[in-house]
C-alpha atoms as a PDB file:
ATOM      1  CA  MET A   1     157.145  95.752 165.164  1.00  0.00           C
ATOM      2  CA  THR A   2     154.525  96.019 167.890  1.00  0.00           C
ATOM      3  CA  GLY A   3     155.135  97.010 171.467  1.00  0.00           C
ATOM      4  CA  PHE A   4     157.066  99.946 172.779  1.00  0.00           C
ATOM      5  CA  ARG A   5     160.605 101.170 172.859  1.00  0.00           C
ATOM      6  CA  ILE A   6     162.334 103.184 175.475  1.00  0.00           C
ATOM      7  CA  ASP A   7     165.570 105.079 175.466  1.00  0.00           C
ATOM      8  CA  PRO A   8     167.625 103.315 178.165  1.00  0.00           C
ATOM      9  CA  GLU A   9     170.112 106.168 178.446  1.00  0.00           C
ATOM     10  CA  ALA A  10     167.348 108.734 178.925  1.00  0.00           C
ATOM     11  CA  LEU A  11     165.664 106.545 181.537  1.00  0.00           C
ATOM     12  CA  GLU A  12     168.960 106.088 183.371  1.00  0.00           C
ATOM     13  CA  ALA A  13     169.457 109.872 183.335  1.00  0.00           C
ATOM     14  CA  ALA A  14     165.944 110.320 184.753  1.00  0.00           C
ATOM     15  CA  ILE A  15     166.721 107.786 187.473  1.00  0.00           C
ATOM     16  CA  ARG A  16     169.873 109.707 188.415  1.00  0.00           C
ATOM     17  CA  LYS A  17     167.875 112.946 188.691  1.00  0.00           C
ATOM     18  CA  LEU A  18     165.267 111.227 190.842  1.00  0.00           C
ATOM     19  CA  GLU A  19     168.018 109.780 193.040  1.00  0.00           C
ATOM     20  CA  ASP A  20     169.439 113.270 193.506  1.00  0.00           C
ATOM     21  CA  ALA A  21     166.010 114.604 194.474  1.00  0.00           C
ATOM     22  CA  ARG A  22     165.499 111.645 196.832  1.00  0.00           C
ATOM     23  CA  ASP A  23     168.864 112.327 198.476  1.00  0.00           C
ATOM     24  CA  ARG A  24     167.908 115.962 199.021  1.00  0.00           C
ATOM     25  CA  ALA A  25     164.589 114.894 200.558  1.00  0.00           C
ATOM     26  CA  ALA A  26     166.440 112.455 202.831  1.00  0.00           C
ATOM     27  CA  GLU A  27     168.764 115.270 203.858  1.00  0.00           C
ATOM     28  CA  ALA A  28     165.749 117.437 204.687  1.00  0.00           C
ATOM     29  CA  VAL A  29     164.405 114.621 206.880  1.00  0.00           C
ATOM     30  CA  SER A  30     167.722 114.406 208.675  1.00  0.00           C
ATOM     31  CA  LYS A  31     168.186 118.142 209.107  1.00  0.00           C
ATOM     32  CA  SER A  32     164.619 118.815 210.222  1.00  0.00           C
ATOM     33  CA  GLY A  33     165.215 116.779 213.372  1.00  0.00           C
ATOM     34  CA  GLY A  34     167.242 119.561 214.928  1.00  0.00           C
ATOM     35  CA  VAL A  35     165.292 122.566 213.679  1.00  0.00           C
ATOM     36  CA  GLU A  36     164.705 125.173 216.355  1.00  0.00           C
ATOM     37  CA  PRO A  37     163.834 128.842 216.102  1.00  0.00           C
ATOM     38  CA  GLY A  38     166.909 130.819 217.049  1.00  0.00           C
ATOM     39  CA  GLU A  39     165.012 134.092 217.277  1.00  0.00           C
ATOM     40  CA  LEU A  40     162.528 132.984 219.935  1.00  0.00           C
ATOM     41  CA  THR A  41     164.836 133.293 222.917  1.00  0.00           C
ATOM     42  CA  ALA A  42     162.748 135.209 225.436  1.00  0.00           C
ATOM     43  CA  LYS A  43     161.955 133.260 228.578  1.00  0.00           C
ATOM     44  CA  ASP A  44     158.254 134.188 228.870  1.00  0.00           C
ATOM     45  CA  SER A  45     155.452 131.630 228.476  1.00  0.00           C
ATOM     46  CA  ILE A  46     154.095 133.041 225.188  1.00  0.00           C
ATOM     47  CA  THR A  47     157.497 132.864 223.514  1.00  0.00           C
ATOM     48  CA  GLY A  48     157.991 129.385 224.959  1.00  0.00           C
ATOM     49  CA  GLN A  49     154.677 128.250 223.474  1.00  0.00           C
ATOM     50  CA  ALA A  50     155.539 129.805 220.096  1.00  0.00           C
ATOM     51  CA  ARG A  51     158.927 128.115 220.207  1.00  0.00           C
ATOM     52  CA  GLN A  52     157.325 124.731 220.918  1.00  0.00           C
ATOM     53  CA  LYS A  53     154.789 125.181 218.106  1.00  0.00           C
ATOM     54  CA  PHE A  54     157.611 125.924 215.689  1.00  0.00           C
ATOM     55  CA  ILE A  55     159.502 122.799 216.781  1.00  0.00           C
ATOM     56  CA  ASP A  56     156.332 120.697 216.526  1.00  0.00           C
ATOM     57  CA  ARG A  57     155.610 122.023 213.047  1.00  0.00           C
ATOM     58  CA  ALA A  58     159.105 121.066 211.901  1.00  0.00           C
ATOM     59  CA  ASN A  59     159.264 117.683 213.618  1.00  0.00           C
ATOM     60  CA  GLY A  60     155.847 116.710 214.890  1.00  0.00           C
ATOM     61  CA  GLY A  61     152.658 115.405 213.350  1.00  0.00           C
ATOM     62  CA  SER A  62     151.525 114.322 209.932  1.00  0.00           C
ATOM     63  CA  GLU A  63     151.908 117.767 208.369  1.00  0.00           C
ATOM     64  CA  SER A  64     155.372 118.490 209.728  1.00  0.00           C
ATOM     65  CA  LEU A  65     158.393 119.277 207.601  1.00  0.00           C
ATOM     66  CA  ARG A  66     160.019 115.994 208.619  1.00  0.00           C
ATOM     67  CA  VAL A  67     157.003 113.807 207.757  1.00  0.00           C
ATOM     68  CA  SER A  68     156.417 115.633 204.466  1.00  0.00           C
ATOM     69  CA  ALA A  69     160.062 115.271 203.429  1.00  0.00           C
ATOM     70  CA  ALA A  70     159.989 111.577 204.375  1.00  0.00           C
ATOM     71  CA  ALA A  71     156.848 111.063 202.277  1.00  0.00           C
ATOM     72  CA  ILE A  72     158.532 112.734 199.298  1.00  0.00           C
ATOM     73  CA  ARG A  73     161.636 110.593 199.805  1.00  0.00           C
ATOM     74  CA  ASP A  74     159.543 107.420 199.940  1.00  0.00           C
ATOM     75  CA  LYS A  75     157.544 108.382 196.850  1.00  0.00           C
ATOM     76  CA  LEU A  76     160.741 109.064 194.917  1.00  0.00           C
ATOM     77  CA  THR A  77     162.218 105.752 196.061  1.00  0.00           C
ATOM     78  CA  GLY A  78     159.129 103.957 194.755  1.00  0.00           C
ATOM     79  CA  LYS A  79     159.366 105.744 191.415  1.00  0.00           C
ATOM     80  CA  ILE A  80     163.086 104.954 191.131  1.00  0.00           C
ATOM     81  CA  ASP A  81     162.435 101.282 191.863  1.00  0.00           C
ATOM     82  CA  SER A  82     159.657 101.244 189.278  1.00  0.00           C
ATOM     83  CA  TYR A  83     161.860 102.842 186.629  1.00  0.00           C
ATOM     84  CA  ARG A  84     164.680 100.415 187.381  1.00  0.00           C
ATOM     85  CA  ALA A  85     162.294  97.468 187.051  1.00  0.00           C
ATOM     86  CA  THR A  86     160.994  98.834 183.747  1.00  0.00           C
ATOM     87  CA  LEU A  87     164.520  99.285 182.466  1.00  0.00           C
ATOM     88  CA  GLU A  88     165.496  95.752 183.493  1.00  0.00           C
ATOM     89  CA  GLU A  89     162.364  94.277 181.928  1.00  0.00           C
ATOM     90  CA  TYR A  90     163.024  96.164 178.708  1.00  0.00           C
ATOM     91  CA  ARG A  91     166.636  94.984 178.600  1.00  0.00           C
ATOM     92  CA  GLN A  92     165.593  91.373 179.178  1.00  0.00           C
ATOM     93  CA  ALA A  93     162.962  91.605 176.441  1.00  0.00           C
ATOM     94  CA  ASP A  94     165.501  93.157 174.093  1.00  0.00           C
ATOM     95  CA  ASP A  95     168.008  90.386 174.869  1.00  0.00           C
ATOM     96  CA  ASN A  96     165.342  87.720 174.313  1.00  0.00           C
ATOM     97  CA  ALA A  97     164.372  89.291 171.004  1.00  0.00           C
ATOM     98  CA  SER A  98     168.018  89.260 169.917  1.00  0.00           C
ATOM     99  CA  VAL A  99     168.354  85.562 170.810  1.00  0.00           C
ATOM    100  CA  ASP A 100     165.130  84.719 168.954  1.00  0.00           C
ATOM    101  CA  ALA A 101     166.288  86.665 165.905  1.00  0.00           C
ATOM    102  CA  GLY A 102     169.548  84.675 165.927  1.00  0.00           C
ATOM    103  CA  ARG A 103     167.603  81.410 165.960  1.00  0.00           C
ATOM    104  CA  VAL A 104     165.494  82.526 162.995  1.00  0.00           C
ATOM    105  CA  ASP A 105     168.611  83.525 161.040  1.00  0.00           C
ATOM    106  CA  ARG A 106     170.226  80.108 161.608  1.00  0.00           C
ATOM    107  CA  ARG A 107     167.109  78.269 160.449  1.00  0.00           C
ATOM    108  CA  ALA A 108     166.848  80.301 157.278  1.00  0.00           C
END
């Protein structure tokens, strides 16, 4: 038989692991919104600037913790969707092959 075979149970297990990783990334996105340095409490301007840089690094621009975690979450979501589509396509092809085999058996 030509084509490929997959192990649906193994793929489902992989999807569950990816979903767990995605959930952890989503949690990091959520938690990073309130990240502040507790140690930088002095009221001078240098400490204030350092405090703001820390907050910006956690929540700010394209290289921040929040944006990086969101990118990881989105990438994992795309991979999960792709794996689910592959699994569904495989199951449909398997079902179609079973139906076709039944037709051949009845004709013989």
